[in-house]
Amino acid sequence: MSKEIRASLSELDKVVSYLEETLPANAIVFLRGDLAAGKTTLTQAIAKARGVEGEVTSPTFSLQHCYGEDLCHYDLYRLEHEEFMQMGLFEEFEKPGWHMVEWGSDALKAFLEGVGYNVAIVEITPHDQRRIYRIET
């Protein structure tokens, strides 16, 4: 299923609400878009909606941040599929909750789907002071 939502930063709750209604309790979500498209900003909005207090930042250097018991955020920029597997990060997807993955490769997506995971994609494109969120579930 595919949906497109146009939203400003102040309207991110529309995107978060749609994801909450559509995605299962345990989900892997690939966040795609150019640098500064809003991938981490969307994760921040999801964390806020889940009652996470404190700062939510991109895990650029640590590769993974977990917020509470049901939200993990990954930044795989410049990390190849093989490196991801060798680091043992694949096992993290067994944890319950949503796994927000920035810069996930097509090879990782194909692997995850091949072993039975459903992977949703949120493609974020800036457009006229807003963002276009193309969501594939």
N, C-alpha and C. Protein backbone atom coordinates (compact mmCIF):
# COMPACT_ATOMS: atom_id res chain seq x y z
N MET A 1 0.85 -1.17 0.00
CA MET A 1 0.00 0.00 0.00
C MET A 1 0.89 1.23 0.00
N SER A 2 0.48 2.26 -0.70
CA SER A 2 1.27 3.47 -0.82
C SER A 2 0.40 4.69 -0.50
N LYS A 3 1.01 5.65 0.19
CA LYS A 3 0.29 6.87 0.55
C LYS A 3 1.27 8.02 0.48
N GLU A 4 0.76 9.19 0.08
CA GLU A 4 1.57 10.40 0.07
C GLU A 4 0.92 11.44 0.98
N ILE A 5 1.74 11.99 1.88
CA ILE A 5 1.26 13.02 2.79
C ILE A 5 2.18 14.23 2.64
N ARG A 6 1.57 15.40 2.46
CA ARG A 6 2.34 16.65 2.43
C ARG A 6 2.13 17.33 3.78
N ALA A 7 3.26 17.65 4.43
CA ALA A 7 3.15 18.22 5.77
C ALA A 7 4.31 19.16 6.06
N SER A 8 4.02 20.22 6.80
CA SER A 8 5.07 21.09 7.31
C SER A 8 5.56 20.47 8.61
N LEU A 9 6.59 21.06 9.19
CA LEU A 9 7.11 20.54 10.46
C LEU A 9 6.04 20.56 11.55
N SER A 10 5.20 21.58 11.53
CA SER A 10 4.15 21.67 12.55
C SER A 10 3.01 20.69 12.31
N GLU A 11 3.01 20.05 11.15
CA GLU A 11 1.96 19.08 10.80
C GLU A 11 2.46 17.64 10.81
N LEU A 12 3.63 17.41 11.37
CA LEU A 12 4.19 16.06 11.39
C LEU A 12 3.30 15.05 12.10
N ASP A 13 2.43 15.53 12.98
CA ASP A 13 1.52 14.62 13.68
C ASP A 13 0.65 13.85 12.70
N LYS A 14 0.35 14.44 11.53
CA LYS A 14 -0.43 13.71 10.51
C LYS A 14 0.32 12.48 10.01
N VAL A 15 1.61 12.64 9.80
CA VAL A 15 2.44 11.53 9.33
C VAL A 15 2.56 10.48 10.43
N VAL A 16 2.83 10.93 11.65
CA VAL A 16 2.98 10.01 12.77
C VAL A 16 1.68 9.24 13.00
N SER A 17 0.55 9.92 12.95
CA SER A 17 -0.75 9.26 13.14
C SER A 17 -0.99 8.20 12.07
N TYR A 18 -0.66 8.54 10.82
CA TYR A 18 -0.84 7.56 9.75
C TYR A 18 0.02 6.32 9.98
N LEU A 19 1.28 6.54 10.37
CA LEU A 19 2.17 5.41 10.62
C LEU A 19 1.65 4.57 11.78
N GLU A 20 1.18 5.21 12.84
CA GLU A 20 0.64 4.46 13.99
C GLU A 20 -0.58 3.64 13.61
N GLU A 21 -1.41 4.17 12.72
CA GLU A 21 -2.60 3.44 12.28
C GLU A 21 -2.27 2.30 11.32
N THR A 22 -1.19 2.44 10.58
CA THR A 22 -0.88 1.53 9.50
C THR A 22 0.13 0.44 9.86
N LEU A 23 1.15 0.80 10.61
CA LEU A 23 2.22 -0.14 10.90
C LEU A 23 1.88 -1.02 12.09
N PRO A 24 2.39 -2.25 12.09
CA PRO A 24 2.20 -3.10 13.26
C PRO A 24 3.07 -2.62 14.43
N ALA A 25 2.87 -3.21 15.58
CA ALA A 25 3.62 -2.83 16.78
C ALA A 25 5.12 -3.07 16.61
N ASN A 26 5.48 -4.05 15.80
CA ASN A 26 6.88 -4.34 15.51
C ASN A 26 7.11 -4.09 14.03
N ALA A 27 7.94 -3.10 13.72
CA ALA A 27 8.12 -2.72 12.32
C ALA A 27 9.53 -2.22 12.07
N ILE A 28 10.00 -2.47 10.87
CA ILE A 28 11.25 -1.89 10.39
C ILE A 28 10.87 -0.86 9.34
N VAL A 29 11.33 0.37 9.55
CA VAL A 29 10.96 1.47 8.66
C VAL A 29 12.24 2.08 8.09
N PHE A 30 12.42 1.98 6.79
CA PHE A 30 13.55 2.62 6.13
C PHE A 30 13.16 4.07 5.85
N LEU A 31 13.99 4.99 6.32
CA LEU A 31 13.78 6.41 6.08
C LEU A 31 14.73 6.82 4.96
N ARG A 32 14.16 7.33 3.88
CA ARG A 32 14.98 7.69 2.73
C ARG A 32 14.78 9.15 2.38
N GLY A 33 15.85 9.76 1.93
CA GLY A 33 15.82 11.16 1.53
C GLY A 33 17.23 11.71 1.58
N ASP A 34 17.42 12.85 0.94
CA ASP A 34 18.73 13.48 0.92
C ASP A 34 19.12 13.95 2.32
N LEU A 35 20.36 14.38 2.46
CA LEU A 35 20.81 14.99 3.70
C LEU A 35 19.87 16.13 4.07
N ALA A 36 19.50 16.22 5.33
CA ALA A 36 18.63 17.27 5.85
C ALA A 36 17.20 17.22 5.30
N ALA A 37 16.79 16.07 4.79
CA ALA A 37 15.42 15.94 4.28
C ALA A 37 14.40 15.89 5.42
N GLY A 38 14.82 15.40 6.60
CA GLY A 38 13.90 15.33 7.72
C GLY A 38 13.74 13.94 8.30
N LYS A 39 14.68 13.06 8.06
CA LYS A 39 14.60 11.68 8.56
C LYS A 39 14.65 11.64 10.09
N THR A 40 15.62 12.32 10.66
CA THR A 40 15.72 12.37 12.12
C THR A 40 14.57 13.17 12.71
N THR A 41 14.14 14.20 12.04
CA THR A 41 13.01 15.01 12.53
C THR A 41 11.75 14.16 12.65
N LEU A 42 11.52 13.27 11.68
CA LEU A 42 10.36 12.38 11.76
C LEU A 42 10.52 11.42 12.94
N THR A 43 11.71 10.89 13.14
CA THR A 43 11.95 10.01 14.29
C THR A 43 11.72 10.76 15.59
N GLN A 44 12.11 12.02 15.65
CA GLN A 44 11.87 12.84 16.85
C GLN A 44 10.37 12.98 17.11
N ALA A 45 9.59 13.19 16.07
CA ALA A 45 8.14 13.33 16.22
C ALA A 45 7.51 12.02 16.70
N ILE A 46 8.00 10.91 16.20
CA ILE A 46 7.49 9.61 16.64
C ILE A 46 7.84 9.40 18.11
N ALA A 47 9.07 9.71 18.49
CA ALA A 47 9.49 9.56 19.88
C ALA A 47 8.63 10.43 20.80
N LYS A 48 8.38 11.65 20.39
CA LYS A 48 7.56 12.56 21.19
C LYS A 48 6.15 11.99 21.36
N ALA A 49 5.58 11.46 20.30
CA ALA A 49 4.24 10.88 20.36
C ALA A 49 4.20 9.66 21.28
N ARG A 50 5.33 8.99 21.44
CA ARG A 50 5.42 7.82 22.31
C ARG A 50 5.81 8.18 23.74
N GLY A 51 5.90 9.48 24.00
CA GLY A 51 6.19 9.92 25.35
C GLY A 51 7.66 9.93 25.73
N VAL A 52 8.53 9.83 24.74
CA VAL A 52 9.97 9.87 25.02
C VAL A 52 10.34 11.29 25.40
N GLU A 53 10.98 11.41 26.54
CA GLU A 53 11.47 12.71 26.98
C GLU A 53 12.97 12.77 26.75
N GLY A 54 13.48 13.93 26.51
CA GLY A 54 14.90 14.07 26.27
C GLY A 54 15.19 14.21 24.79
N GLU A 55 16.45 14.38 24.51
CA GLU A 55 16.88 14.66 23.15
C GLU A 55 16.92 13.39 22.29
N VAL A 56 16.41 13.51 21.09
CA VAL A 56 16.46 12.43 20.09
C VAL A 56 17.33 12.95 18.96
N THR A 57 18.47 12.30 18.77
CA THR A 57 19.42 12.76 17.76
C THR A 57 19.77 11.63 16.81
N SER A 58 20.36 12.00 15.70
CA SER A 58 20.79 11.00 14.73
C SER A 58 21.96 10.21 15.29
N PRO A 59 21.92 8.90 15.21
CA PRO A 59 23.02 8.08 15.71
C PRO A 59 24.15 7.94 14.69
N THR A 60 24.57 9.06 14.13
CA THR A 60 25.55 9.05 13.05
C THR A 60 26.81 8.29 13.41
N PHE A 61 27.36 8.52 14.60
CA PHE A 61 28.62 7.89 14.95
C PHE A 61 28.45 6.62 15.78
N SER A 62 27.34 6.52 16.51
CA SER A 62 27.12 5.33 17.33
C SER A 62 26.34 4.26 16.58
N LEU A 63 25.78 4.58 15.44
CA LEU A 63 24.99 3.72 14.57
C LEU A 63 23.59 3.41 15.09
N GLN A 64 23.39 3.41 16.42
CA GLN A 64 22.08 3.06 16.96
C GLN A 64 21.82 3.82 18.27
N HIS A 65 20.60 4.33 18.38
CA HIS A 65 20.09 4.86 19.65
C HIS A 65 18.75 4.18 19.90
N CYS A 66 18.51 3.78 21.12
CA CYS A 66 17.20 3.25 21.49
C CYS A 66 16.56 4.20 22.47
N TYR A 67 15.28 4.43 22.29
CA TYR A 67 14.51 5.34 23.13
C TYR A 67 13.37 4.54 23.75
N GLY A 68 13.44 4.37 25.05
CA GLY A 68 12.43 3.56 25.70
C GLY A 68 12.58 2.11 25.29
N GLU A 69 11.49 1.39 25.40
CA GLU A 69 11.52 -0.05 25.12
C GLU A 69 11.07 -0.41 23.70
N ASP A 70 10.55 0.59 22.96
CA ASP A 70 9.95 0.22 21.67
C ASP A 70 10.29 1.13 20.50
N LEU A 71 11.41 1.83 20.59
CA LEU A 71 11.81 2.68 19.46
C LEU A 71 13.34 2.69 19.37
N CYS A 72 13.84 2.20 18.24
CA CYS A 72 15.28 2.24 17.97
C CYS A 72 15.50 2.99 16.67
N HIS A 73 16.62 3.69 16.61
CA HIS A 73 16.93 4.56 15.48
C HIS A 73 18.35 4.24 15.03
N TYR A 74 18.52 3.96 13.75
CA TYR A 74 19.81 3.56 13.19
C TYR A 74 20.21 4.55 12.10
N ASP A 75 21.49 4.83 12.00
CA ASP A 75 22.03 5.63 10.90
C ASP A 75 23.11 4.78 10.25
N LEU A 76 22.82 4.28 9.07
CA LEU A 76 23.73 3.37 8.38
C LEU A 76 24.48 4.04 7.24
N TYR A 77 24.59 5.36 7.30
CA TYR A 77 25.31 6.11 6.26
C TYR A 77 26.72 5.55 6.13
N ARG A 78 27.11 5.22 4.93
CA ARG A 78 28.42 4.67 4.60
C ARG A 78 28.68 3.30 5.20
N LEU A 79 27.67 2.62 5.67
CA LEU A 79 27.85 1.29 6.23
C LEU A 79 27.25 0.28 5.25
N GLU A 80 28.08 -0.58 4.76
CA GLU A 80 27.63 -1.58 3.80
C GLU A 80 26.84 -2.70 4.51
N HIS A 81 26.02 -3.39 3.75
CA HIS A 81 25.21 -4.48 4.26
C HIS A 81 26.06 -5.51 5.02
N GLU A 82 27.19 -5.88 4.44
CA GLU A 82 28.05 -6.88 5.06
C GLU A 82 28.58 -6.41 6.41
N GLU A 83 28.98 -5.13 6.48
CA GLU A 83 29.48 -4.58 7.74
C GLU A 83 28.39 -4.60 8.81
N PHE A 84 27.18 -4.27 8.41
CA PHE A 84 26.04 -4.28 9.32
C PHE A 84 25.86 -5.67 9.92
N MET A 85 25.95 -6.67 9.08
CA MET A 85 25.78 -8.05 9.54
C MET A 85 26.94 -8.47 10.44
N GLN A 86 28.16 -8.12 10.07
CA GLN A 86 29.33 -8.51 10.86
C GLN A 86 29.32 -7.87 12.25
N MET A 87 28.73 -6.71 12.37
CA MET A 87 28.67 -6.01 13.66
C MET A 87 27.60 -6.58 14.58
N GLY A 88 26.79 -7.49 14.06
CA GLY A 88 25.75 -8.10 14.87
C GLY A 88 24.51 -7.24 15.04
N LEU A 89 24.38 -6.20 14.24
CA LEU A 89 23.23 -5.31 14.38
C LEU A 89 21.93 -5.94 13.89
N PHE A 90 22.05 -6.94 13.03
CA PHE A 90 20.84 -7.60 12.52
C PHE A 90 19.98 -8.13 13.67
N GLU A 91 20.62 -8.65 14.70
CA GLU A 91 19.88 -9.22 15.84
C GLU A 91 19.04 -8.17 16.56
N GLU A 92 19.40 -6.92 16.42
CA GLU A 92 18.65 -5.85 17.07
C GLU A 92 17.21 -5.78 16.56
N PHE A 93 16.99 -6.20 15.33
CA PHE A 93 15.64 -6.16 14.76
C PHE A 93 14.70 -7.16 15.43
N GLU A 94 15.24 -8.05 16.23
CA GLU A 94 14.41 -8.99 16.98
C GLU A 94 13.74 -8.32 18.18
N LYS A 95 14.27 -7.18 18.60
CA LYS A 95 13.69 -6.45 19.73
C LYS A 95 12.31 -5.94 19.32
N PRO A 96 11.36 -5.94 20.26
CA PRO A 96 10.04 -5.41 19.92
C PRO A 96 10.07 -3.90 19.68
N GLY A 97 9.14 -3.45 18.87
CA GLY A 97 9.00 -2.01 18.62
C GLY A 97 9.30 -1.63 17.19
N TRP A 98 9.44 -0.33 17.01
CA TRP A 98 9.75 0.20 15.68
C TRP A 98 11.25 0.43 15.58
N HIS A 99 11.78 0.08 14.41
CA HIS A 99 13.19 0.27 14.10
C HIS A 99 13.27 1.23 12.92
N MET A 100 13.68 2.47 13.19
CA MET A 100 13.77 3.51 12.17
C MET A 100 15.19 3.47 11.61
N VAL A 101 15.32 3.19 10.30
CA VAL A 101 16.62 2.97 9.69
C VAL A 101 16.89 4.03 8.63
N GLU A 102 17.85 4.92 8.93
CA GLU A 102 18.28 5.90 7.94
C GLU A 102 19.38 5.30 7.09
N TRP A 103 19.32 5.55 5.80
CA TRP A 103 20.33 5.13 4.85
C TRP A 103 20.45 3.62 4.72
N GLY A 104 19.37 2.90 4.92
CA GLY A 104 19.38 1.45 4.71
C GLY A 104 19.51 1.12 3.23
N SER A 105 20.38 0.20 2.91
CA SER A 105 20.63 -0.15 1.51
C SER A 105 19.53 -1.06 0.96
N ASP A 106 19.47 -1.11 -0.36
CA ASP A 106 18.53 -2.03 -1.01
C ASP A 106 18.90 -3.48 -0.69
N ALA A 107 20.21 -3.76 -0.54
CA ALA A 107 20.65 -5.12 -0.20
C ALA A 107 20.14 -5.51 1.19
N LEU A 108 20.20 -4.59 2.14
CA LEU A 108 19.69 -4.88 3.48
C LEU A 108 18.18 -5.09 3.45
N LYS A 109 17.49 -4.25 2.71
CA LYS A 109 16.03 -4.39 2.59
C LYS A 109 15.68 -5.76 2.00
N ALA A 110 16.36 -6.14 0.93
CA ALA A 110 16.09 -7.43 0.29
C ALA A 110 16.39 -8.58 1.25
N PHE A 111 17.47 -8.47 2.00
CA PHE A 111 17.81 -9.51 2.97
C PHE A 111 16.72 -9.62 4.03
N LEU A 112 16.32 -8.49 4.60
CA LEU A 112 15.30 -8.49 5.66
C LEU A 112 13.99 -9.09 5.16
N GLU A 113 13.59 -8.70 3.96
CA GLU A 113 12.36 -9.26 3.40
C GLU A 113 12.52 -10.75 3.12
N GLY A 114 13.71 -11.15 2.71
CA GLY A 114 13.97 -12.55 2.41
C GLY A 114 13.91 -13.46 3.64
N VAL A 115 14.17 -12.90 4.82
CA VAL A 115 14.08 -13.70 6.05
C VAL A 115 12.77 -13.46 6.79
N GLY A 116 11.82 -12.79 6.11
CA GLY A 116 10.48 -12.71 6.65
C GLY A 116 10.03 -11.40 7.28
N TYR A 117 10.89 -10.40 7.29
CA TYR A 117 10.47 -9.11 7.84
C TYR A 117 9.71 -8.31 6.79
N ASN A 118 8.73 -7.56 7.25
CA ASN A 118 8.09 -6.57 6.40
C ASN A 118 8.80 -5.25 6.62
N VAL A 119 9.22 -4.63 5.55
CA VAL A 119 9.95 -3.38 5.64
C VAL A 119 9.11 -2.28 5.01
N ALA A 120 8.78 -1.27 5.79
CA ALA A 120 8.08 -0.10 5.27
C ALA A 120 9.14 0.92 4.84
N ILE A 121 8.77 1.76 3.90
CA ILE A 121 9.68 2.81 3.43
C ILE A 121 8.96 4.15 3.54
N VAL A 122 9.67 5.13 4.09
CA VAL A 122 9.19 6.51 4.08
C VAL A 122 10.23 7.32 3.32
N GLU A 123 9.84 7.77 2.15
CA GLU A 123 10.70 8.61 1.30
C GLU A 123 10.31 10.05 1.57
N ILE A 124 11.29 10.87 1.98
CA ILE A 124 11.01 12.25 2.37
C ILE A 124 11.67 13.19 1.36
N THR A 125 10.86 14.09 0.80
CA THR A 125 11.35 15.06 -0.17
C THR A 125 10.91 16.45 0.24
N PRO A 126 11.86 17.36 0.48
CA PRO A 126 11.48 18.76 0.78
C PRO A 126 10.82 19.40 -0.44
N HIS A 127 9.77 20.21 -0.17
CA HIS A 127 9.06 20.88 -1.25
C HIS A 127 8.30 22.09 -0.70
N ASP A 128 8.71 23.30 -1.07
CA ASP A 128 8.02 24.54 -0.71
C ASP A 128 7.68 24.64 0.78
N GLN A 129 8.69 24.69 1.64
CA GLN A 129 8.52 24.83 3.09
C GLN A 129 7.77 23.65 3.73
N ARG A 130 7.58 22.60 2.99
CA ARG A 130 6.92 21.41 3.50
C ARG A 130 7.76 20.21 3.09
N ARG A 131 7.27 19.03 3.46
CA ARG A 131 7.90 17.80 3.04
C ARG A 131 6.83 16.91 2.42
N ILE A 132 7.23 16.16 1.43
CA ILE A 132 6.35 15.15 0.87
C ILE A 132 6.83 13.81 1.43
N TYR A 133 5.93 13.11 2.10
CA TYR A 133 6.22 11.82 2.70
C TYR A 133 5.52 10.75 1.86
N ARG A 134 6.31 9.97 1.13
CA ARG A 134 5.76 8.85 0.35
C ARG A 134 5.99 7.60 1.18
N ILE A 135 4.89 7.00 1.61
CA ILE A 135 4.95 5.89 2.55
C ILE A 135 4.50 4.62 1.85
N GLU A 136 5.36 3.62 1.87
CA GLU A 136 5.03 2.31 1.30
C GLU A 136 5.04 1.29 2.43
N THR A 137 3.91 0.62 2.61
CA THR A 137 3.83 -0.38 3.68
C THR A 137 3.54 -1.75 3.08
